[in-house]
Structures are given as structure tokens and as C-alpha cells.
């Protein structure tokens, strides 16, 4: 993936931001990332064990969740503007399966909500 980002920066530097090559390359990168994240969600659905917090955090941030750190404690709170509920995930290694299932539920709810709007 770092090769794609480096190539993207080179194209932007050479041709400028608003060039067709830039936007095409960017769309390809987003599609590739989106596909990888969808595969990650499916892996979580099939096996909710042994997931690192960093993997869960990266996935949630990709889908537009923002993380809030409380003043005390090890739990992190994730919010999304399209969802009314908060998602509470402990910063532990590995993240327990019950929390991974919650993450998958929230992502399913988000995809249903987005699917209904389009």
C-alpha cells in the first residue's frame, strides 16, 4: 500500500492536484482500501478472536468513526454522525470477541443506513 501512496504523491507533484491522472489514481486507491476493509470485516465476522486494538481502530476510522479518549480508564469511545449509539471498546490486546462482534454489528448498521439513503 505504501507504494500506491508514494506513486500518488509523485503524480500529484508532477501533474498537479486537479489532473485526471491524480483523481483516477486516488479512486483506484480508495477502491482497493475499501475492498481490503470489507475483507477485514468478513474475517472479524467469521473469527472474532485475537484482534488487536489497532486493527479495530483503523477499521472504524476508515468508515468515519471518531475516537474519544476518556480522562480515565482504558476504554475508547467511538462515535459516528450517522449512528445514534456510542461504541465502547477497551484498549486491550487482544480485543475480546464480544467487542469485536459489537464492532461488526455497528458496521452492519452503518451499511444498512447508508444503503437505504442511496
N, C-alpha and C. Protein backbone atom coordinates (compact mmCIF):
# COMPACT_ATOMS: atom_id res chain seq x y z
N UNK A 1 0.82 -1.19 0.00
CA UNK A 1 0.00 0.00 0.00
C UNK A 1 0.86 1.25 0.00
N UNK A 2 2.02 1.23 0.65
CA UNK A 2 2.87 2.41 0.69
C UNK A 2 3.34 2.78 -0.71
N UNK A 3 3.52 1.78 -1.60
CA UNK A 3 3.90 2.07 -2.98
C UNK A 3 2.82 2.88 -3.67
N UNK A 4 1.57 2.53 -3.42
CA UNK A 4 0.46 3.26 -4.04
C UNK A 4 0.45 4.70 -3.58
N UNK A 5 0.64 4.92 -2.27
CA UNK A 5 0.63 6.28 -1.75
C UNK A 5 1.81 7.07 -2.29
N UNK A 6 2.99 6.47 -2.35
CA UNK A 6 4.16 7.15 -2.90
C UNK A 6 3.92 7.51 -4.35
N UNK A 7 3.39 6.58 -5.15
CA UNK A 7 3.11 6.87 -6.55
C UNK A 7 2.09 7.99 -6.68
N UNK A 8 1.10 7.99 -5.81
CA UNK A 8 0.09 9.05 -5.83
C UNK A 8 0.73 10.40 -5.58
N UNK A 9 1.63 10.48 -4.60
CA UNK A 9 2.29 11.75 -4.30
C UNK A 9 3.16 12.20 -5.46
N UNK A 10 3.83 11.26 -6.12
CA UNK A 10 4.66 11.62 -7.27
C UNK A 10 3.80 12.18 -8.39
N UNK A 11 2.67 11.53 -8.69
CA UNK A 11 1.78 12.03 -9.74
C UNK A 11 1.25 13.41 -9.40
N UNK A 12 0.91 13.63 -8.15
CA UNK A 12 0.40 14.95 -7.75
C UNK A 12 1.49 15.99 -7.92
N UNK A 13 2.70 15.66 -7.55
CA UNK A 13 3.81 16.60 -7.66
C UNK A 13 4.08 16.94 -9.12
N UNK A 14 4.04 15.96 -9.99
CA UNK A 14 4.36 16.18 -11.40
C UNK A 14 3.22 16.88 -12.14
N UNK A 15 2.00 16.41 -11.95
CA UNK A 15 0.89 16.89 -12.76
C UNK A 15 -0.03 17.88 -12.06
N UNK A 16 0.03 17.99 -10.78
CA UNK A 16 -0.85 18.90 -10.07
C UNK A 16 -2.08 18.20 -9.53
N UNK A 17 -2.73 18.85 -8.60
CA UNK A 17 -3.86 18.25 -7.89
C UNK A 17 -5.04 17.94 -8.78
N UNK A 18 -5.36 18.78 -9.71
CA UNK A 18 -6.63 18.67 -10.42
C UNK A 18 -6.52 17.91 -11.73
N UNK A 19 -5.44 17.21 -11.92
CA UNK A 19 -5.25 16.44 -13.14
C UNK A 19 -6.06 15.15 -13.11
N UNK A 20 -6.44 14.66 -14.27
CA UNK A 20 -7.23 13.43 -14.37
C UNK A 20 -6.47 12.24 -13.79
N UNK A 21 -5.17 12.17 -14.01
CA UNK A 21 -4.37 11.05 -13.52
C UNK A 21 -4.44 10.99 -12.00
N UNK A 22 -4.39 12.13 -11.37
CA UNK A 22 -4.46 12.19 -9.90
C UNK A 22 -5.78 11.59 -9.42
N UNK A 23 -6.89 12.04 -9.98
CA UNK A 23 -8.18 11.58 -9.48
C UNK A 23 -8.40 10.10 -9.79
N UNK A 24 -7.94 9.64 -10.94
CA UNK A 24 -8.07 8.22 -11.27
C UNK A 24 -7.26 7.37 -10.30
N UNK A 25 -6.02 7.78 -10.05
CA UNK A 25 -5.17 7.04 -9.12
C UNK A 25 -5.80 7.03 -7.74
N UNK A 26 -6.35 8.15 -7.31
CA UNK A 26 -6.96 8.24 -5.99
C UNK A 26 -8.16 7.31 -5.89
N UNK A 27 -9.00 7.27 -6.92
CA UNK A 27 -10.17 6.39 -6.90
C UNK A 27 -9.76 4.93 -6.83
N UNK A 28 -8.71 4.57 -7.55
CA UNK A 28 -8.22 3.20 -7.50
C UNK A 28 -7.73 2.85 -6.10
N UNK A 29 -7.03 3.77 -5.47
CA UNK A 29 -6.53 3.52 -4.12
C UNK A 29 -7.69 3.35 -3.14
N UNK A 30 -8.69 4.20 -3.24
CA UNK A 30 -9.84 4.12 -2.33
C UNK A 30 -10.59 2.82 -2.54
N UNK A 31 -10.78 2.41 -3.79
CA UNK A 31 -11.46 1.14 -4.06
C UNK A 31 -10.67 -0.03 -3.48
N UNK A 32 -9.36 0.00 -3.64
CA UNK A 32 -8.52 -1.06 -3.12
C UNK A 32 -8.61 -1.11 -1.60
N UNK A 33 -8.52 0.06 -0.95
CA UNK A 33 -8.63 0.11 0.50
C UNK A 33 -10.00 -0.36 0.96
N UNK A 34 -11.03 0.07 0.26
CA UNK A 34 -12.39 -0.31 0.62
C UNK A 34 -12.56 -1.82 0.54
N UNK A 35 -12.05 -2.42 -0.50
CA UNK A 35 -12.14 -3.88 -0.66
C UNK A 35 -11.41 -4.59 0.48
N UNK A 36 -10.22 -4.10 0.83
CA UNK A 36 -9.45 -4.70 1.92
C UNK A 36 -10.20 -4.58 3.25
N UNK A 37 -10.82 -3.44 3.48
CA UNK A 37 -11.55 -3.24 4.73
C UNK A 37 -12.79 -4.14 4.79
N UNK A 38 -13.46 -4.31 3.66
CA UNK A 38 -14.61 -5.23 3.62
C UNK A 38 -14.17 -6.66 3.93
N UNK A 39 -13.03 -7.06 3.40
CA UNK A 39 -12.49 -8.39 3.70
C UNK A 39 -12.16 -8.52 5.18
N UNK A 40 -11.65 -7.45 5.77
CA UNK A 40 -11.32 -7.46 7.19
C UNK A 40 -12.58 -7.63 8.04
N UNK A 41 -13.66 -6.96 7.66
CA UNK A 41 -14.93 -7.10 8.38
C UNK A 41 -15.42 -8.54 8.30
N UNK A 42 -15.31 -9.15 7.12
CA UNK A 42 -15.74 -10.54 6.97
C UNK A 42 -14.90 -11.49 7.83
N UNK A 43 -13.60 -11.22 7.91
CA UNK A 43 -12.74 -12.04 8.77
C UNK A 43 -13.15 -11.89 10.24
N UNK A 44 -13.49 -10.66 10.63
CA UNK A 44 -13.94 -10.42 12.00
C UNK A 44 -15.25 -11.15 12.27
N UNK A 45 -16.12 -11.15 11.29
CA UNK A 45 -17.42 -11.81 11.44
C UNK A 45 -17.22 -13.32 11.62
N UNK A 46 -16.31 -13.90 10.86
CA UNK A 46 -16.06 -15.35 10.93
C UNK A 46 -15.27 -15.76 12.17
N UNK A 47 -14.32 -14.93 12.57
CA UNK A 47 -13.49 -15.26 13.72
C UNK A 47 -13.25 -14.00 14.56
N UNK A 48 -14.06 -13.78 15.59
CA UNK A 48 -13.91 -12.57 16.40
C UNK A 48 -12.80 -12.62 17.44
N UNK A 49 -11.94 -13.60 17.39
CA UNK A 49 -10.87 -13.74 18.38
C UNK A 49 -9.54 -13.19 17.85
N UNK A 50 -8.72 -12.76 18.80
CA UNK A 50 -7.33 -12.36 18.54
C UNK A 50 -7.19 -11.17 17.59
N UNK A 51 -7.97 -10.13 17.80
CA UNK A 51 -7.84 -8.90 17.03
C UNK A 51 -7.17 -7.86 17.91
N UNK A 52 -6.20 -7.17 17.35
CA UNK A 52 -5.52 -6.10 18.08
C UNK A 52 -6.38 -4.84 18.05
N UNK A 53 -6.22 -4.01 19.07
CA UNK A 53 -6.99 -2.77 19.14
C UNK A 53 -6.67 -1.88 17.95
N UNK A 54 -5.42 -1.85 17.52
CA UNK A 54 -5.02 -1.00 16.40
C UNK A 54 -5.76 -1.38 15.12
N UNK A 55 -6.00 -2.67 14.91
CA UNK A 55 -6.75 -3.11 13.73
C UNK A 55 -8.20 -2.66 13.80
N UNK A 56 -8.79 -2.79 14.97
CA UNK A 56 -10.19 -2.37 15.16
C UNK A 56 -10.30 -0.85 14.98
N UNK A 57 -9.38 -0.12 15.58
CA UNK A 57 -9.38 1.34 15.49
C UNK A 57 -9.24 1.80 14.04
N UNK A 58 -8.31 1.21 13.32
CA UNK A 58 -8.08 1.57 11.92
C UNK A 58 -9.32 1.32 11.07
N UNK A 59 -9.97 0.20 11.30
CA UNK A 59 -11.18 -0.14 10.55
C UNK A 59 -12.29 0.86 10.83
N UNK A 60 -12.51 1.17 12.10
CA UNK A 60 -13.58 2.10 12.46
C UNK A 60 -13.30 3.50 11.92
N UNK A 61 -12.06 3.95 11.98
CA UNK A 61 -11.73 5.27 11.47
C UNK A 61 -11.88 5.33 9.95
N UNK A 62 -11.61 4.24 9.27
CA UNK A 62 -11.80 4.21 7.82
C UNK A 62 -13.27 4.44 7.46
N UNK A 63 -14.17 3.88 8.25
CA UNK A 63 -15.60 4.02 7.99
C UNK A 63 -16.19 5.30 8.58
N UNK A 64 -15.36 6.20 9.09
CA UNK A 64 -15.83 7.51 9.50
C UNK A 64 -16.12 7.67 10.98
N UNK A 65 -15.75 6.70 11.79
CA UNK A 65 -15.94 6.82 13.24
C UNK A 65 -14.83 7.71 13.80
N UNK A 66 -15.16 8.45 14.84
CA UNK A 66 -14.14 9.23 15.54
C UNK A 66 -13.97 8.64 16.93
N UNK A 67 -12.75 8.67 17.42
CA UNK A 67 -12.44 8.08 18.72
C UNK A 67 -12.30 9.17 19.76
N UNK A 68 -12.87 8.90 20.91
CA UNK A 68 -12.76 9.82 22.04
C UNK A 68 -12.12 9.07 23.20
N UNK A 69 -11.09 9.65 23.77
CA UNK A 69 -10.44 9.03 24.94
C UNK A 69 -11.00 9.65 26.20
N UNK A 70 -11.46 8.82 27.11
CA UNK A 70 -11.92 9.38 28.38
C UNK A 70 -10.73 9.85 29.21
N UNK A 71 -11.01 10.65 30.23
CA UNK A 71 -9.92 11.15 31.07
C UNK A 71 -9.26 10.03 31.86
N UNK A 72 -10.07 9.03 32.23
CA UNK A 72 -9.55 7.90 32.99
C UNK A 72 -10.04 6.61 32.36
N UNK A 73 -9.29 5.54 32.59
CA UNK A 73 -9.72 4.23 32.13
C UNK A 73 -9.10 3.85 30.79
N UNK A 74 -9.34 2.59 30.42
CA UNK A 74 -8.71 2.06 29.21
C UNK A 74 -9.67 1.95 28.04
N UNK A 75 -10.93 2.27 28.24
CA UNK A 75 -11.90 2.15 27.15
C UNK A 75 -11.85 3.37 26.24
N UNK A 76 -12.09 3.13 24.98
CA UNK A 76 -12.18 4.20 23.99
C UNK A 76 -13.61 4.23 23.47
N UNK A 77 -14.11 5.42 23.23
CA UNK A 77 -15.49 5.58 22.78
C UNK A 77 -15.46 6.04 21.33
N UNK A 78 -16.16 5.31 20.47
CA UNK A 78 -16.23 5.63 19.05
C UNK A 78 -17.64 6.14 18.74
N UNK A 79 -17.69 7.21 17.96
CA UNK A 79 -18.98 7.76 17.54
C UNK A 79 -18.97 7.93 16.03
N UNK A 80 -20.17 7.92 15.46
CA UNK A 80 -20.33 8.16 14.03
C UNK A 80 -21.51 9.11 13.86
N UNK A 81 -21.40 10.11 12.99
CA UNK A 81 -22.50 11.07 12.84
C UNK A 81 -23.81 10.46 12.36
N UNK A 82 -23.76 9.32 11.67
CA UNK A 82 -24.98 8.69 11.16
C UNK A 82 -25.62 7.71 12.14
N UNK A 83 -24.93 7.40 13.24
CA UNK A 83 -25.44 6.43 14.20
C UNK A 83 -25.70 7.10 15.55
N UNK A 84 -26.85 6.80 16.17
CA UNK A 84 -27.17 7.46 17.44
C UNK A 84 -26.42 6.89 18.65
N UNK A 85 -25.99 5.64 18.58
CA UNK A 85 -25.36 4.98 19.73
C UNK A 85 -23.85 5.17 19.75
N UNK A 86 -23.29 4.99 20.93
CA UNK A 86 -21.84 5.03 21.11
C UNK A 86 -21.30 3.61 21.14
N UNK A 87 -20.10 3.44 20.64
CA UNK A 87 -19.43 2.14 20.67
C UNK A 87 -18.26 2.24 21.64
N UNK A 88 -18.28 1.40 22.65
CA UNK A 88 -17.27 1.42 23.70
C UNK A 88 -16.36 0.20 23.53
N UNK A 89 -15.06 0.44 23.29
CA UNK A 89 -14.11 -0.66 23.06
C UNK A 89 -12.92 -0.47 24.00
N UNK A 90 -12.56 -1.50 24.76
CA UNK A 90 -11.39 -1.37 25.63
C UNK A 90 -10.09 -1.42 24.83
N UNK A 91 -9.12 -0.66 25.30
CA UNK A 91 -7.81 -0.67 24.66
C UNK A 91 -7.02 -1.82 25.27
N UNK A 92 -7.29 -3.03 24.79
CA UNK A 92 -6.64 -4.23 25.32
C UNK A 92 -6.12 -5.05 24.16
N UNK A 93 -5.14 -5.88 24.46
CA UNK A 93 -4.59 -6.77 23.43
C UNK A 93 -4.73 -8.19 23.93
N UNK A 94 -5.42 -9.03 23.26
CA UNK A 94 -6.32 -8.77 22.13
C UNK A 94 -7.67 -8.23 22.61
N UNK A 95 -8.42 -7.66 21.68
CA UNK A 95 -9.77 -7.19 21.98
C UNK A 95 -10.66 -8.42 22.13
N UNK A 96 -11.47 -8.44 23.16
CA UNK A 96 -12.32 -9.61 23.42
C UNK A 96 -13.35 -9.78 22.31
N UNK A 97 -13.73 -11.04 22.04
CA UNK A 97 -14.69 -11.32 20.96
C UNK A 97 -16.01 -10.58 21.08
N UNK A 98 -16.49 -10.35 22.30
CA UNK A 98 -17.77 -9.66 22.46
C UNK A 98 -17.69 -8.24 21.88
N UNK A 99 -16.54 -7.57 22.02
CA UNK A 99 -16.38 -6.22 21.48
C UNK A 99 -16.21 -6.25 19.96
N UNK A 100 -15.53 -7.26 19.46
CA UNK A 100 -15.37 -7.39 18.01
C UNK A 100 -16.74 -7.62 17.36
N UNK A 101 -17.58 -8.43 17.99
CA UNK A 101 -18.94 -8.65 17.47
C UNK A 101 -19.73 -7.34 17.47
N UNK A 102 -19.55 -6.53 18.51
CA UNK A 102 -20.22 -5.23 18.58
C UNK A 102 -19.76 -4.33 17.43
N UNK A 103 -18.46 -4.34 17.14
CA UNK A 103 -17.92 -3.55 16.03
C UNK A 103 -18.58 -3.98 14.72
N UNK A 104 -18.66 -5.27 14.49
CA UNK A 104 -19.29 -5.79 13.27
C UNK A 104 -20.76 -5.38 13.21
N UNK A 105 -21.47 -5.44 14.34
CA UNK A 105 -22.87 -5.01 14.38
C UNK A 105 -23.00 -3.54 13.99
N UNK A 106 -22.14 -2.69 14.54
CA UNK A 106 -22.19 -1.27 14.23
C UNK A 106 -21.90 -1.02 12.75
N UNK A 107 -20.93 -1.74 12.19
CA UNK A 107 -20.61 -1.57 10.78
C UNK A 107 -21.75 -2.05 9.89
N UNK A 108 -22.43 -3.13 10.30
CA UNK A 108 -23.60 -3.61 9.56
C UNK A 108 -24.72 -2.58 9.61
N UNK A 109 -24.93 -2.02 10.79
CA UNK A 109 -25.97 -0.99 10.95
C UNK A 109 -25.66 0.22 10.08
N UNK A 110 -24.40 0.60 10.04
CA UNK A 110 -23.98 1.73 9.22
C UNK A 110 -24.20 1.44 7.74
N UNK A 111 -23.85 0.25 7.29
CA UNK A 111 -24.03 -0.08 5.87
C UNK A 111 -25.51 -0.15 5.51
N UNK A 112 -26.36 -0.63 6.42
CA UNK A 112 -27.81 -0.63 6.17
C UNK A 112 -28.33 0.79 6.05
N UNK A 113 -27.87 1.64 6.94
CA UNK A 113 -28.32 3.04 6.92
C UNK A 113 -27.86 3.74 5.64
N UNK A 114 -26.62 3.51 5.25
CA UNK A 114 -26.11 4.12 4.01
C UNK A 114 -26.77 3.52 2.78
N UNK A 115 -27.07 2.23 2.82
CA UNK A 115 -27.73 1.57 1.69
C UNK A 115 -29.14 2.09 1.49
N UNK A 116 -29.82 2.45 2.57
CA UNK A 116 -31.18 2.97 2.49
C UNK A 116 -31.24 4.39 1.97
N UNK A 117 -30.15 5.15 2.15
CA UNK A 117 -30.12 6.55 1.71
C UNK A 117 -29.86 6.67 0.22
N UNK A 118 -29.12 5.71 -0.35
CA UNK A 118 -28.71 5.83 -1.76
C UNK A 118 -29.81 5.42 -2.70
